[in-house]
């Protein structure tokens, strides 16, 4: 049994990680200020986890949470491009200063490895597809800048202090426990809630923008693989499904699954959004043994079933 500290552990991805850790018999510690995370995401696991409610900007809290931990899975962040455009200072504080605090506390606690949740947004809107880790980053939003800064801090702590780190560039993760109610929510839960209510989903742009949608179970598995993979210290790897689908195709699939033939409404594209996103995942396969199991169609179906089983 290993001891894992999960920042942002009450959030969407973090809570899915925590549930999996508990299922495997590991000790899970959660650090979350509940700004975007929700305690209900940990429902059924309260007796199995140690909760440290507070911010990753609180160094004393991090020291307590990380003491004796084997691994830190750093999911804590303000995870939104539009929100970062509206309030870049808040995104910088949480995503850059918070990440630095996490690395300092992990170094001082002598944890074996920190796995950092980065983002495909660091690539920007470069036309080359698929995105490879050796491409020059071109962040186009404060959020993307903050995530790239976190990657650089991780690499620096590996080089300077010997703290092992792995940065995972997430590509449009979706699945159960993703909050559809925030104005900054991701597209799949928003579309699902709208269609289940018989309301038209809003598409920013022409709907032909494409995303490499990645089911959360595959991301959870990758975090655990990245914790222990030999020879991965200091690495940056893409986490996607390796395929891309347009938002229009997503809507068609959801219309078929829900039986709702509600036409979408189109609005102007949003600042900071990229047109296409597609991951080359060969490096992740080779380095950490990443092997996504859930197809786009299966993932959307499983996600829809989860939302249908819960009140609006």
Protein backbone atom coordinates (compact mmCIF):
# COMPACT_ATOMS: atom_id res chain seq x y z
CA UNK A 1 0.00 0.00 0.00
CA UNK A 2 1.29 3.45 -0.93
CA UNK A 3 0.33 6.87 0.40
CA UNK A 4 -0.94 9.34 -2.20
CA UNK A 5 -1.71 13.02 -1.64
CA UNK A 6 -4.08 14.38 -4.28
CA UNK A 7 -4.41 18.13 -4.62
CA UNK A 8 -7.76 19.09 -6.07
CA UNK A 9 -8.94 15.69 -4.89
CA UNK A 10 -12.58 16.78 -4.60
CA UNK A 11 -12.63 18.02 -8.19
CA UNK A 12 -13.62 16.15 -11.31
CA UNK A 13 -10.39 14.33 -12.20
CA UNK A 14 -9.02 14.35 -8.67
CA UNK A 15 -12.07 12.63 -7.17
CA UNK A 16 -11.99 9.94 -9.84
CA UNK A 17 -8.34 9.35 -8.92
CA UNK A 18 -9.21 9.16 -5.22
CA UNK A 19 -11.97 6.61 -5.81
CA UNK A 20 -9.54 4.44 -7.77
CA UNK A 21 -6.81 4.71 -5.13
CA UNK A 22 -9.21 3.57 -2.43
CA UNK A 23 -10.40 0.67 -4.60
CA UNK A 24 -6.76 -0.44 -4.94
CA UNK A 25 -6.19 -0.26 -1.18
CA UNK A 26 -3.91 2.77 -1.11
CA UNK A 27 -4.08 5.57 1.44
CA UNK A 28 -5.52 8.71 -0.14
CA UNK A 29 -5.18 12.22 1.21
CA UNK A 30 -7.16 15.05 -0.36
CA UNK A 31 -6.16 18.72 -0.43
CA UNK A 32 -8.97 20.91 -1.75
CA UNK A 33 -10.39 24.33 -0.91
CA UNK A 34 -13.71 23.39 -2.57
CA UNK A 35 -13.61 26.45 -4.81
CA UNK A 36 -14.42 24.24 -7.77
CA UNK A 37 -14.30 20.81 -6.10
CA UNK A 38 -17.31 19.32 -4.35
CA UNK A 39 -17.53 17.09 -1.29
CA UNK A 40 -20.26 15.08 -2.99
CA UNK A 41 -17.61 13.86 -5.43
CA UNK A 42 -16.09 11.94 -2.52
CA UNK A 43 -19.44 10.60 -1.31
CA UNK A 44 -19.03 7.07 -0.09
CA UNK A 45 -15.30 7.53 0.49
CA UNK A 46 -15.21 9.86 3.48
CA UNK A 47 -14.17 7.07 5.80
CA UNK A 48 -11.40 6.04 3.43
CA UNK A 49 -9.66 9.38 2.83
CA UNK A 50 -8.04 12.06 4.94
CA UNK A 51 -9.39 15.48 4.00
CA UNK A 52 -7.24 18.60 4.23
CA UNK A 53 -9.65 21.39 3.38
CA UNK A 54 -7.75 24.46 2.27
CA UNK A 55 -5.75 26.07 -0.48
CA UNK A 56 -2.54 24.96 -2.14
CA UNK A 57 -1.39 28.50 -1.38
CA UNK A 58 -1.30 27.45 2.30
CA UNK A 59 2.19 26.01 2.75
CA UNK A 60 1.58 24.79 6.29
CA UNK A 61 -1.44 22.80 5.12
CA UNK A 62 0.60 21.23 2.32
CA UNK A 63 3.34 20.23 4.73
CA UNK A 64 0.82 18.38 6.90
CA UNK A 65 -0.83 16.70 3.94
CA UNK A 66 2.45 15.59 2.34
CA UNK A 67 4.22 14.35 5.47
CA UNK A 68 5.00 10.68 4.93
CA UNK A 69 3.40 10.58 1.47
CA UNK A 70 4.96 8.48 -1.26
CA UNK A 71 3.44 10.34 -4.22
CA UNK A 72 1.74 13.66 -4.89
CA UNK A 73 -0.78 13.84 -7.74
CA UNK A 74 -1.17 17.57 -8.35
CA UNK A 75 -4.59 18.19 -9.89
CA UNK A 76 -5.38 21.40 -8.01
CA UNK A 77 -5.89 24.43 -10.28
CA UNK A 78 -8.37 26.94 -11.62
CA UNK A 79 -9.12 24.89 -14.74
CA UNK A 80 -10.66 27.25 -17.26
CA UNK A 81 -9.45 29.22 -20.27
CA UNK A 82 -12.38 31.70 -20.21
CA UNK A 83 -12.00 32.27 -16.48
CA UNK A 84 -8.29 32.93 -16.90
CA UNK A 85 -9.08 35.51 -19.58
CA UNK A 86 -11.44 37.26 -17.18
CA UNK A 87 -9.17 37.01 -14.14
CA UNK A 88 -5.57 36.18 -15.06
CA UNK A 89 -4.24 37.11 -11.62
CA UNK A 90 -6.35 34.47 -9.88
CA UNK A 91 -5.31 31.80 -12.39
CA UNK A 92 -1.66 32.72 -11.96
CA UNK A 93 -1.89 32.56 -8.17
CA UNK A 94 -3.55 29.14 -8.11
CA UNK A 95 -1.79 27.54 -11.04
CA UNK A 96 1.72 28.99 -10.78
CA UNK A 97 2.21 30.02 -7.15
CA UNK A 98 0.17 27.02 -6.02
CA UNK A 99 2.25 24.63 -8.11
CA UNK A 100 5.47 26.10 -6.75
CA UNK A 101 4.15 25.57 -3.22
CA UNK A 102 3.26 21.96 -4.02
CA UNK A 103 6.75 21.31 -5.35
CA UNK A 104 8.43 22.93 -2.37
CA UNK A 105 6.32 20.98 0.11
CA UNK A 106 6.88 17.73 -1.83
CA UNK A 107 10.63 18.33 -1.92
CA UNK A 108 10.76 18.99 1.80
CA UNK A 109 8.63 15.92 2.53
CA UNK A 110 10.94 13.76 0.39
CA UNK A 111 8.10 12.30 -1.66
CA UNK A 112 9.13 9.87 -4.38
CA UNK A 113 7.45 11.68 -7.28
CA UNK A 114 5.05 14.49 -8.17
CA UNK A 115 2.69 13.93 -11.11
CA UNK A 116 1.51 17.29 -12.44
CA UNK A 117 -1.70 17.89 -14.37
CA UNK A 118 -0.74 20.11 -17.30
CA UNK A 119 -2.82 20.89 -20.38
CA UNK A 120 -2.84 20.56 -24.15
CA UNK A 121 -3.59 24.29 -24.22
CA UNK A 122 0.16 24.92 -23.97
CA UNK A 123 0.42 24.04 -27.69
CA UNK A 124 -1.83 26.93 -28.69
CA UNK A 125 -3.41 27.08 -32.13
CA UNK A 126 -0.49 25.81 -34.20
CA UNK A 127 -1.79 24.06 -37.35
CA UNK A 128 0.44 20.98 -37.03
CA UNK A 129 -1.50 17.87 -36.00
CA UNK A 130 -1.19 15.72 -34.03
CA UNK A 131 0.52 17.61 -31.22
CA UNK A 132 3.86 16.18 -30.14
CA UNK A 133 5.81 16.90 -27.00
CA UNK A 134 8.83 18.14 -28.98
CA UNK A 135 6.81 20.96 -30.56
CA UNK A 136 7.52 24.51 -29.39
CA UNK A 137 4.71 25.58 -27.03
CA UNK A 138 2.59 28.54 -28.08
CA UNK A 139 0.19 29.31 -25.20
CA UNK A 140 -2.59 31.73 -26.13
CA UNK A 141 -4.41 32.23 -22.84
CA UNK A 142 -3.36 33.03 -19.28
CA UNK A 143 -4.46 29.53 -18.31
CA UNK A 144 -2.17 27.98 -20.91
CA UNK A 145 0.72 30.17 -19.78
CA UNK A 146 0.17 29.14 -16.16
CA UNK A 147 0.18 25.45 -17.06
CA UNK A 148 3.37 25.77 -19.08
CA UNK A 149 5.00 27.63 -16.20
CA UNK A 150 4.10 24.70 -13.96
CA UNK A 151 5.79 22.30 -16.35
CA UNK A 152 8.97 24.36 -16.28
CA UNK A 153 8.91 24.45 -12.49
CA UNK A 154 8.51 20.67 -12.40
CA UNK A 155 11.45 20.14 -14.72
CA UNK A 156 13.57 22.61 -12.75
CA UNK A 157 12.84 20.86 -9.45
CA UNK A 158 13.87 17.55 -11.00
CA UNK A 159 17.11 19.05 -12.32
CA UNK A 160 18.04 21.17 -9.30
CA UNK A 161 16.65 19.29 -6.30
CA UNK A 162 16.31 15.74 -7.58
CA UNK A 163 12.55 15.74 -6.97
CA UNK A 164 11.11 13.37 -9.54
CA UNK A 165 8.26 14.91 -11.55
CA UNK A 166 6.15 13.93 -14.54
CA UNK A 167 3.94 16.42 -16.36
CA UNK A 168 0.83 15.09 -18.09
CA UNK A 169 -0.70 17.26 -20.82
CA UNK A 170 -4.42 16.51 -20.61
CA UNK A 171 -6.50 16.64 -23.79
CA UNK A 172 -10.18 17.45 -23.10
CA UNK A 173 -10.88 15.01 -20.30
CA UNK A 174 -14.53 14.09 -19.70
CA UNK A 175 -16.61 11.66 -17.69
CA UNK A 176 -18.60 11.22 -14.46
CA UNK A 177 -18.39 13.88 -11.74
CA UNK A 178 -17.65 16.71 -14.18
CA UNK A 179 -19.63 19.75 -13.04
CA UNK A 180 -22.10 20.95 -15.71
CA UNK A 181 -23.45 23.90 -13.72
CA UNK A 182 -20.53 26.34 -13.70
CA UNK A 183 -20.43 29.06 -16.32
CA UNK A 184 -16.93 27.76 -17.06
CA UNK A 185 -17.95 24.11 -17.36
CA UNK A 186 -16.56 21.85 -20.08
CA UNK A 187 -18.50 21.23 -23.24
CA UNK A 188 -19.65 17.61 -22.81
CA UNK A 189 -21.46 17.99 -19.46
CA UNK A 190 -23.01 21.26 -20.65
CA UNK A 191 -24.29 19.68 -23.85
CA UNK A 192 -25.65 16.68 -21.94
CA UNK A 193 -27.55 18.78 -19.42
CA UNK A 194 -28.99 21.00 -22.12
CA UNK A 195 -30.17 18.12 -24.29
CA UNK A 196 -31.61 16.19 -21.34
CA UNK A 197 -33.65 19.31 -20.57
CA UNK A 198 -34.76 19.60 -24.20
CA UNK A 199 -32.82 22.83 -24.60
CA UNK A 200 -30.44 23.76 -27.45
CA UNK A 201 -26.71 23.54 -26.68
CA UNK A 202 -24.67 26.64 -27.46
CA UNK A 203 -21.66 26.18 -29.73
CA UNK A 204 -19.02 28.90 -29.77
CA UNK A 205 -17.82 29.02 -33.39
CA UNK A 206 -19.02 26.91 -36.31
CA UNK A 207 -18.87 23.57 -34.49
CA UNK A 208 -16.16 22.25 -36.79
CA UNK A 209 -13.49 22.78 -34.16
CA UNK A 210 -12.22 19.39 -33.06
CA UNK A 211 -11.05 17.98 -29.77
CA UNK A 212 -9.21 14.87 -28.61
CA UNK A 213 -11.81 13.83 -26.04
CA UNK A 214 -10.30 11.57 -23.39
CA UNK A 215 -12.31 9.52 -20.91
CA UNK A 216 -11.41 10.14 -17.28
CA UNK A 217 -10.75 6.46 -16.43
CA UNK A 218 -7.84 6.47 -18.87
CA UNK A 219 -6.45 9.62 -17.28
CA UNK A 220 -6.74 8.08 -13.82
CA UNK A 221 -4.81 5.01 -14.97
CA UNK A 222 -2.13 7.23 -16.52
CA UNK A 223 -1.61 9.15 -13.28
CA UNK A 224 -0.95 5.92 -11.42
CA UNK A 225 1.34 4.66 -14.18
CA UNK A 226 3.25 7.95 -14.20
CA UNK A 227 3.78 7.68 -10.44
CA UNK A 228 5.98 4.63 -10.76
CA UNK A 229 7.19 4.39 -14.37
CA UNK A 230 10.99 4.01 -14.37
CA UNK A 231 12.98 6.54 -16.34
CA UNK A 232 10.14 9.06 -16.52
CA UNK A 233 11.48 11.67 -14.09
CA UNK A 234 11.39 15.15 -15.62
CA UNK A 235 9.29 14.04 -18.58
CA UNK A 236 6.33 15.72 -20.27
CA UNK A 237 3.79 13.44 -21.97
CA UNK A 238 0.52 13.87 -23.82
CA UNK A 239 -2.61 12.23 -22.45
CA UNK A 240 -5.25 11.96 -25.12
CA UNK A 241 -7.22 9.30 -26.90
CA UNK A 242 -5.25 9.79 -30.12
CA UNK A 243 -8.33 10.74 -32.16
CA UNK A 244 -10.28 13.96 -32.66
CA UNK A 245 -13.96 14.69 -33.10
CA UNK A 246 -15.80 17.89 -33.96
CA UNK A 247 -18.33 19.50 -31.66
CA UNK A 248 -20.95 19.00 -34.35
CA UNK A 249 -20.23 15.25 -34.30
CA UNK A 250 -20.47 15.29 -30.51
CA UNK A 251 -23.90 16.91 -30.70
CA UNK A 252 -25.08 14.36 -33.29
CA UNK A 253 -23.95 11.50 -31.04
CA UNK A 254 -25.69 12.99 -28.00
CA UNK A 255 -28.85 13.60 -30.02
CA UNK A 256 -28.89 9.92 -31.01
CA UNK A 257 -28.23 8.74 -27.45
CA UNK A 258 -30.77 11.02 -25.78
CA UNK A 259 -33.42 10.93 -28.50
CA UNK A 260 -33.49 14.73 -28.40
CA UNK A 261 -33.47 16.31 -31.86
CA UNK A 262 -32.75 19.82 -30.59
CA UNK A 263 -30.72 21.98 -32.98
CA UNK A 264 -27.71 23.76 -31.47
CA UNK A 265 -27.37 27.52 -31.32
CA UNK A 266 -24.15 29.01 -32.67
CA UNK A 267 -22.36 31.98 -31.13
CA UNK A 268 -19.09 33.81 -31.86
CA UNK A 269 -15.89 31.96 -31.01
CA UNK A 270 -14.38 32.75 -27.61
CA UNK A 271 -11.02 34.41 -27.05
CA UNK A 272 -8.26 31.95 -26.21
CA UNK A 273 -9.99 28.89 -27.67
CA UNK A 274 -7.99 26.78 -30.14
CA UNK A 275 -9.46 25.40 -33.36
CA UNK A 276 -8.16 21.84 -33.28
CA UNK A 277 -6.63 19.56 -30.66
CA UNK A 278 -5.20 16.11 -31.34
CA UNK A 279 -2.61 14.21 -29.33
CA UNK A 280 0.25 12.06 -30.48
CA UNK A 281 0.30 9.58 -27.58
CA UNK A 282 3.21 7.41 -28.71
CA UNK A 283 5.58 8.95 -26.13
CA UNK A 284 3.14 8.21 -23.30
CA UNK A 285 2.74 4.63 -24.54
CA UNK A 286 6.49 4.07 -24.60
CA UNK A 287 7.44 5.92 -21.42
CA UNK A 288 4.70 5.18 -18.89
CA UNK A 289 2.78 2.35 -20.56
CA UNK A 290 -0.26 4.50 -21.30
CA UNK A 291 -2.92 2.60 -23.22
CA UNK A 292 -6.34 4.28 -23.45
CA UNK A 293 -9.14 1.73 -23.24
CA UNK A 294 -12.34 3.76 -23.62
CA UNK A 295 -13.44 4.97 -27.05
CA UNK A 296 -15.08 8.33 -27.62
CA UNK A 297 -18.49 6.74 -28.24
CA UNK A 298 -18.33 4.46 -25.21
CA UNK A 299 -17.11 7.28 -22.99
CA UNK A 300 -19.91 9.62 -24.06
CA UNK A 301 -22.47 6.86 -23.50
CA UNK A 302 -21.13 6.07 -20.01
CA UNK A 303 -21.01 9.75 -19.12
CA UNK A 304 -24.59 10.27 -20.29
CA UNK A 305 -25.76 7.32 -18.18
CA UNK A 306 -24.11 8.83 -15.12
CA UNK A 307 -25.83 12.20 -15.58
CA UNK A 308 -29.17 10.56 -16.34
CA UNK A 309 -28.98 8.76 -12.99
CA UNK A 310 -28.69 12.06 -11.10
CA UNK A 311 -31.05 15.01 -10.63
CA UNK A 312 -30.61 18.01 -12.92
